[in-house]
Protein backbone atom coordinates (compact mmCIF):
# COMPACT_ATOMS: atom_id res chain seq x y z
CA MET A 1 18.73 35.50 3.35
CA GLY A 2 19.85 39.00 2.43
CA LYS A 3 19.20 42.67 3.02
CA ALA A 4 15.91 42.66 1.14
CA ASP A 5 14.32 40.25 3.65
CA VAL A 6 11.10 41.34 5.32
CA GLU A 7 11.60 42.01 9.00
CA LEU A 8 8.57 40.17 10.34
CA SER A 9 8.90 41.56 13.84
CA GLY A 10 8.82 45.18 12.70
CA GLY A 11 6.95 44.82 9.42
CA ALA A 12 9.60 46.88 7.53
CA PHE A 13 10.96 46.40 4.01
CA ASP A 14 14.49 47.02 2.85
CA ALA A 15 14.87 50.17 0.75
CA GLN A 16 16.20 48.04 -2.11
CA ASP A 17 13.06 46.47 -3.55
CA PRO A 18 13.61 45.91 -7.29
CA PHE A 19 10.54 43.68 -7.61
CA ASN A 20 8.19 46.06 -5.77
CA ILE A 21 7.46 43.42 -3.13
CA GLU A 22 6.01 46.04 -0.80
CA GLY A 23 3.47 47.08 -3.43
CA VAL A 24 2.53 43.49 -4.17
CA VAL A 25 2.07 42.80 -0.45
CA THR A 26 -0.27 45.79 -0.22
CA ARG A 27 -2.33 44.64 -3.20
CA LEU A 28 -2.50 41.09 -1.85
CA ARG A 29 -3.77 42.47 1.45
CA ASP A 30 -6.45 44.44 -0.42
CA VAL A 31 -7.56 41.29 -2.26
CA ARG A 32 -7.69 39.31 0.98
CA GLU A 33 -9.69 41.98 2.75
CA GLY A 34 -12.09 42.25 -0.18
CA TRP A 35 -12.67 38.51 -0.15
CA ARG A 36 -13.18 38.50 3.61
CA GLU A 37 -15.61 41.39 3.47
CA ASN A 38 -17.59 39.64 0.76
CA ARG A 39 -17.79 36.50 2.92
CA ARG A 40 -18.83 38.55 5.95
CA MET A 41 -21.67 40.14 3.97
CA ARG A 42 -22.84 36.65 3.02
CA GLY A 43 -22.67 35.59 6.65
CA ASP A 44 -20.32 32.64 6.12
CA TYR A 45 -16.95 33.91 7.27
CA GLY A 46 -15.62 33.66 10.80
CA ALA A 47 -13.07 36.18 11.97
CA VAL A 48 -11.22 33.81 14.29
CA GLY A 49 -8.64 31.10 13.70
CA PHE A 50 -9.03 28.19 11.32
CA PRO A 51 -8.20 24.52 12.01
CA SER A 52 -4.64 23.64 11.00
CA ARG A 53 -4.01 20.80 8.57
CA HIS A 54 -0.45 20.51 9.83
CA ALA A 55 -1.54 20.27 13.47
CA LEU A 56 -4.30 17.77 12.69
CA GLY A 57 -1.85 15.56 10.82
CA ARG A 58 0.33 15.33 13.92
CA ILE A 59 -2.66 14.80 16.20
CA VAL A 60 -4.03 11.90 14.15
CA ASP A 61 -0.60 10.29 14.05
CA VAL A 62 -0.50 10.47 17.85
CA LEU A 63 -4.03 9.05 18.15
CA THR A 64 -3.19 6.14 15.86
CA ALA A 65 -0.17 5.42 18.06
CA ALA A 66 -2.51 5.28 21.05
CA LEU A 67 -4.77 2.86 19.18
CA PHE A 68 -1.88 0.57 18.18
CA PRO A 69 0.89 1.38 20.69
CA LEU A 70 3.17 -1.61 20.07
CA ARG A 71 3.18 -1.21 16.29
CA LEU A 72 2.54 2.47 15.58
CA GLY A 73 3.95 3.92 18.79
CA PRO A 74 7.60 4.76 19.53
CA ALA A 75 10.20 2.02 19.90
CA GLU A 76 10.39 2.33 23.68
CA VAL A 77 6.77 1.20 24.15
CA THR A 78 6.52 -2.36 25.46
CA ALA A 79 3.73 -4.63 26.65
CA ALA A 80 4.68 -3.66 30.20
CA ASN A 81 4.29 0.10 29.74
CA GLU A 82 1.77 0.44 26.91
CA ASP A 83 -1.12 1.45 29.20
CA ILE A 84 1.02 4.25 30.62
CA PHE A 85 1.93 5.33 27.08
CA VAL A 86 -1.70 5.28 25.92
CA ALA A 87 -2.85 7.33 28.91
CA ALA A 88 -0.11 9.92 28.48
CA THR A 89 -0.68 10.09 24.73
CA LEU A 90 -4.42 10.67 25.04
CA GLN A 91 -3.91 13.24 27.80
CA SER A 92 -1.67 15.23 25.46
CA ALA A 93 -3.50 14.68 22.16
CA ILE A 94 -7.12 15.26 23.19
CA PRO A 95 -6.61 18.88 24.36
CA LEU A 96 -4.78 19.60 21.08
CA LEU A 97 -7.67 18.13 19.10
CA ALA A 98 -10.11 20.09 21.26
CA ALA A 99 -8.33 23.30 20.26
CA GLN A 100 -8.85 22.46 16.57
CA VAL A 101 -12.53 21.66 17.10
CA ARG A 102 -12.90 24.88 19.08
CA MET A 103 -11.55 26.88 16.13
CA GLU A 104 -13.98 25.17 13.79
CA LEU A 105 -16.95 25.96 16.00
CA HIS A 106 -15.94 29.60 16.39
CA TYR A 107 -15.36 29.85 12.64
CA SER A 108 -18.58 28.12 11.60
CA TYR A 109 -20.81 29.66 14.28
CA PRO A 110 -19.34 33.07 15.15
CA GLN A 111 -22.63 34.08 16.80
CA ASN A 112 -22.19 31.46 19.54
CA CYS A 113 -20.78 32.61 22.87
CA ASP A 114 -17.64 31.07 24.33
CA GLN A 115 -19.63 29.12 26.91
CA THR A 116 -21.78 27.46 24.23
CA VAL A 117 -18.71 26.58 22.17
CA GLU A 118 -16.94 25.07 25.19
CA ARG A 119 -19.94 22.89 25.97
CA GLU A 120 -19.92 21.61 22.38
CA VAL A 121 -16.16 21.01 22.40
CA ASN A 122 -16.43 19.00 25.61
CA ARG A 123 -19.37 17.01 24.26
CA ILE A 124 -17.62 16.16 21.00
CA LEU A 125 -14.30 15.20 22.55
CA SER A 126 -15.87 13.21 25.40
CA ALA A 127 -17.92 11.21 22.90
CA LEU A 128 -14.89 10.62 20.67
CA VAL A 129 -12.77 9.35 23.57
CA GLU A 130 -15.61 7.05 24.62
CA ARG A 131 -15.70 5.64 21.06
CA LEU A 132 -11.97 4.90 20.82
CA PRO A 133 -12.27 1.24 21.97
CA GLU A 134 -14.95 0.62 19.33
CA ILE A 135 -12.82 2.34 16.69
CA ARG A 136 -9.95 0.01 17.61
CA ARG A 137 -12.28 -3.01 17.39
CA LEU A 138 -13.46 -1.98 13.92
CA LEU A 139 -9.89 -1.42 12.77
CA ASP A 140 -8.96 -4.90 13.98
CA THR A 141 -11.67 -6.33 11.74
CA ASP A 142 -10.37 -4.27 8.81
CA VAL A 143 -6.80 -5.48 9.29
CA GLU A 144 -7.96 -9.09 9.61
CA ALA A 145 -10.04 -8.75 6.44
CA ALA A 146 -6.99 -7.49 4.56
CA PHE A 147 -4.85 -10.34 5.83
CA ASP A 148 -7.50 -12.96 5.02
CA GLY A 149 -8.19 -11.46 1.60
CA ASP A 150 -4.65 -10.94 0.29
CA PRO A 151 -2.45 -13.98 -0.39
CA ALA A 152 0.59 -11.68 -0.47
CA ALA A 153 0.13 -10.75 3.20
CA ARG A 154 2.30 -12.86 5.48
CA CYS A 155 1.06 -11.54 8.83
CA VAL A 156 -1.39 -9.00 10.21
CA ASP A 157 1.47 -6.78 11.39
CA GLU A 158 2.67 -6.49 7.78
CA VAL A 159 -0.82 -5.33 6.83
CA LEU A 160 -0.92 -2.78 9.65
CA LEU A 161 2.50 -1.32 8.91
CA CYS A 162 2.69 -1.51 5.11
CA TYR A 163 -0.75 -1.25 3.51
CA PRO A 164 -1.91 2.23 2.45
CA PHE A 165 -5.48 1.07 2.95
CA VAL A 166 -4.80 0.85 6.69
CA THR A 167 -3.63 4.47 6.80
CA ALA A 168 -6.78 5.52 4.94
CA VAL A 169 -9.19 3.57 7.13
CA LEU A 170 -7.42 4.66 10.36
CA HIS A 171 -8.03 8.27 9.38
CA HIS A 172 -11.56 7.53 8.21
CA ARG A 173 -12.70 5.79 11.38
CA ILE A 174 -11.60 8.81 13.44
CA ALA A 175 -12.86 11.39 10.95
CA HIS A 176 -16.25 9.69 10.62
CA GLU A 177 -16.83 9.94 14.36
CA LEU A 178 -15.92 13.63 14.39
CA TYR A 179 -18.14 14.24 11.36
CA ASN A 180 -21.15 12.67 13.06
CA LEU A 181 -20.44 14.39 16.36
CA GLY A 182 -20.53 17.88 14.84
CA ALA A 183 -17.00 18.72 13.67
CA PRO A 184 -17.31 18.16 9.89
CA LEU A 185 -14.56 20.61 8.91
CA VAL A 186 -11.93 19.01 11.15
CA ALA A 187 -13.13 15.62 9.89
CA ARG A 188 -12.77 16.69 6.27
CA ILE A 189 -9.24 17.96 6.85
CA ILE A 190 -8.31 14.60 8.40
CA ALA A 191 -9.82 12.80 5.41
CA GLU A 192 -7.81 14.94 2.99
CA ILE A 193 -4.61 14.22 4.93
CA ALA A 194 -5.26 10.52 4.32
CA HIS A 195 -6.07 11.23 0.67
CA SER A 196 -2.75 13.00 0.14
CA ARG A 197 -0.85 10.21 1.92
CA THR A 198 -2.49 7.25 0.18
CA GLY A 199 -4.35 8.30 -2.97
CA ILE A 200 -7.53 6.91 -1.38
CA ASP A 201 -10.34 9.48 -1.16
CA ILE A 202 -13.00 8.63 1.45
CA HIS A 203 -15.36 11.38 2.52
CA PRO A 204 -15.76 11.39 6.33
CA GLY A 205 -19.54 11.26 5.93
CA ALA A 206 -19.39 7.82 4.29
CA THR A 207 -20.66 5.00 6.51
CA ILE A 208 -18.49 1.86 6.37
CA GLY A 209 -19.20 -1.42 8.16
CA GLU A 210 -16.70 -3.77 9.73
CA SER A 211 -14.16 -6.03 7.99
CA PHE A 212 -13.63 -3.51 5.18
CA PHE A 213 -10.74 -3.97 2.76
CA ILE A 214 -9.35 -1.94 -0.13
CA ASP A 215 -6.71 -3.91 -2.03
CA HIS A 216 -3.93 -1.70 -3.48
CA GLY A 217 -6.18 1.34 -3.11
CA THR A 218 -4.82 4.06 -5.38
CA GLY A 219 -7.58 6.06 -7.02
CA VAL A 220 -10.49 4.80 -4.89
CA VAL A 221 -13.22 7.42 -4.33
CA ILE A 222 -16.06 6.95 -1.82
CA GLY A 223 -18.57 9.79 -1.65
CA GLN A 224 -20.14 11.56 1.30
CA THR A 225 -23.46 9.70 1.53
CA ALA A 226 -22.23 6.24 0.50
CA ILE A 227 -23.20 3.39 2.82
CA LEU A 228 -21.09 0.22 2.85
CA GLY A 229 -22.09 -2.89 4.76
CA ASN A 230 -19.89 -5.51 6.38
CA ARG A 231 -17.14 -7.46 4.64
CA VAL A 232 -17.05 -5.22 1.55
CA ARG A 233 -13.93 -5.58 -0.59
CA ILE A 234 -12.86 -2.93 -3.11
CA TYR A 235 -9.95 -2.81 -5.52
CA GLN A 236 -8.01 0.13 -6.92
CA ALA A 237 -9.61 2.93 -9.00
CA VAL A 238 -13.17 2.14 -7.87
CA THR A 239 -15.55 5.11 -7.68
CA LEU A 240 -18.68 5.20 -5.55
CA GLY A 241 -19.95 8.56 -6.70
CA ALA A 242 -22.98 10.71 -7.44
CA ARG A 243 -24.77 10.70 -10.78
CA SER A 244 -26.49 14.08 -10.49
CA PHE A 245 -26.91 16.98 -8.09
CA SER A 246 -30.18 18.60 -7.05
CA THR A 247 -30.49 22.38 -6.93
CA ASP A 248 -32.82 24.69 -5.03
CA GLU A 249 -35.01 27.49 -6.39
CA GLU A 250 -32.00 29.79 -6.71
CA GLY A 251 -29.89 27.22 -8.56
CA ARG A 252 -27.63 26.37 -5.65
CA LEU A 253 -26.62 22.78 -4.95
CA VAL A 254 -28.64 20.99 -2.27
CA LYS A 255 -26.19 19.88 0.39
CA ASP A 256 -26.11 16.49 2.14
CA GLU A 257 -28.78 14.89 -0.05
CA PRO A 258 -28.38 11.07 -0.33
CA ARG A 259 -26.77 10.65 -3.75
CA HIS A 260 -24.14 7.90 -3.46
CA PRO A 261 -24.47 4.11 -3.64
CA ILE A 262 -25.51 1.68 -0.94
CA ILE A 263 -23.25 -1.39 -0.95
CA GLU A 264 -24.69 -4.28 1.03
CA ASP A 265 -22.78 -6.98 2.94
CA ASP A 266 -20.20 -9.26 1.29
CA VAL A 267 -19.93 -7.33 -1.99
CA THR A 268 -16.72 -7.34 -4.03
CA ILE A 269 -16.01 -4.53 -6.48
CA TYR A 270 -13.09 -5.04 -8.85
CA ALA A 271 -10.61 -2.51 -10.21
CA GLY A 272 -11.83 0.44 -12.22
CA ALA A 273 -15.55 -0.07 -11.59
CA THR A 274 -17.71 3.06 -11.34
CA ILE A 275 -21.03 2.99 -9.49
CA LEU A 276 -23.01 6.23 -9.53
CA GLY A 277 -26.16 7.50 -7.85
CA ARG A 278 -28.33 6.33 -4.99
CA VAL A 279 -28.42 2.74 -6.19
CA THR A 280 -28.21 -0.44 -4.13
CA ILE A 281 -25.79 -3.26 -4.81
CA GLY A 282 -27.36 -6.34 -3.26
CA ARG A 283 -25.48 -8.53 -0.79
CA CYS A 284 -22.98 -11.09 -2.07
CA SER A 285 -22.82 -9.42 -5.49
CA VAL A 286 -19.62 -9.18 -7.54
CA ILE A 287 -19.02 -6.12 -9.71
CA GLY A 288 -16.43 -6.78 -12.41
CA GLY A 289 -13.55 -4.55 -13.42
CA ASN A 290 -14.26 -1.36 -15.40
CA VAL A 291 -18.03 -1.76 -15.08
CA TRP A 292 -20.05 1.47 -15.36
CA LEU A 293 -23.20 1.00 -13.26
CA THR A 294 -26.04 3.45 -12.61
CA ARG A 295 -28.84 1.12 -11.49
CA SER A 296 -29.47 -1.19 -8.57
CA VAL A 297 -28.77 -4.91 -8.79
CA PRO A 298 -30.33 -7.68 -6.67
CA PRO A 299 -28.44 -9.81 -4.15
CA GLY A 300 -26.06 -12.36 -5.59
CA SER A 301 -25.61 -10.54 -8.91
CA GLN A 302 -22.56 -11.00 -11.14
CA VAL A 303 -22.03 -7.78 -13.10
CA ARG A 304 -19.32 -7.68 -15.76
CA GLN A 305 -18.37 -5.95 -18.97
CA THR A 306 -19.17 -7.79 -22.20
CA GLN A 307 -17.63 -5.23 -24.55
CA PRO A 308 -15.03 -4.58 -25.72
CA SER A 309 -13.64 -8.07 -26.07
CA VAL A 310 -9.99 -9.10 -26.22
CA THR A 311 -8.76 -11.60 -28.82
CA VAL A 312 -5.46 -13.42 -28.39
CA GLU A 313 -3.95 -15.14 -31.43
CA ALA A 314 -1.15 -17.62 -30.90
CA GLY A 315 2.01 -17.13 -32.96
CA ASP A 316 5.52 -18.49 -33.25
CA PRO A 317 7.53 -18.02 -30.07
CA CYS A 318 10.58 -15.81 -30.17
CA ASP A 319 13.94 -17.55 -30.61
C-alpha cells in the first residue's frame, strides 16, 4: 500500500491521483444514489442493512456442526461433551442468525416498527430451533439413502463428509424452514451459498420428502415450486424447471405461481433429464438420461430416449 491509498478513517485522497480515483468515486456514489432513489420511489428499497452472505455462510456451518457434532464439529467434541457443545453452539449461532433475519425484515418491510419486527424475529427463530430435531431426522434419511443407493459408498460417515449432495441438502433443509417461516431472502442466500459450494441449485421454496439422494450432483437444478416425494433419486445435470411464466395485466411476471414439476414417491431420474412445467411424474417411475419431458406420466412409467441411436461396429483390436 502506498501514498495514494484512501484514508478510510478520514475519507481523504492523496494529492497524487493519476487515475482520477476521487472523481470516479464521486460518480459511483451518484450512480448508487440514483439507483437507490429510483427504488425508493417504487417502494421496494429499504434504507437499513442487508443480510450478509459471508455471515450466513459461517452461521450455517456452525448450525450443521450442531446437527452433526461428532462429524462436522471441531476435533475436541466427543460423545461425552457433545450435548454441551450443541447447547453452546446454538446459543451463539441463533442470535447471529436472528440479526440476519432482523435485517431482512427491516429491509423488506421498512414500514414496520421495531416492536413488530422483533416479534417476527422471535417467532421465526423459535420455530426454527423447534424444528432442528426434525431437520436432523430428515438428514439422517438422506444420508442413509445415499449410502444404500451408491455402491461406491463404504460407510455413512463417508457419505456425510465427502458427498457434495450432503452439503446441498444440509443447506436446503435449513433454508426451506426459513423460507416457509417468513425469511425468504435469508433462505435464498443460504441456498446460493450451497449452489456455489456444490454446483447443485435447489431453490429454498422446493419441497423435498425424506430419503432424498442426488448422485454426483453437479448441474442439478430444482425450481422454487417443485414438490418431491419420498425416496426420490436424481443424478447429475437433471433440471426440474418451469416451461412458461405467466404475466399480469402490466406484463410483469406473476410471482410464486406453481410452475415446476411434482415428483411422486420412489421416482428415479437419470443424468441430463429435463422435466419442465407443472407436470406430475407418477410414483415408481424411471426417467431415462437426457429425456426432455413436458407432460405428466402415470405411476410405474419407464420414460427413455429412442433417438438418436448409437451404433457400435466391431473391428480388429489394436496390436
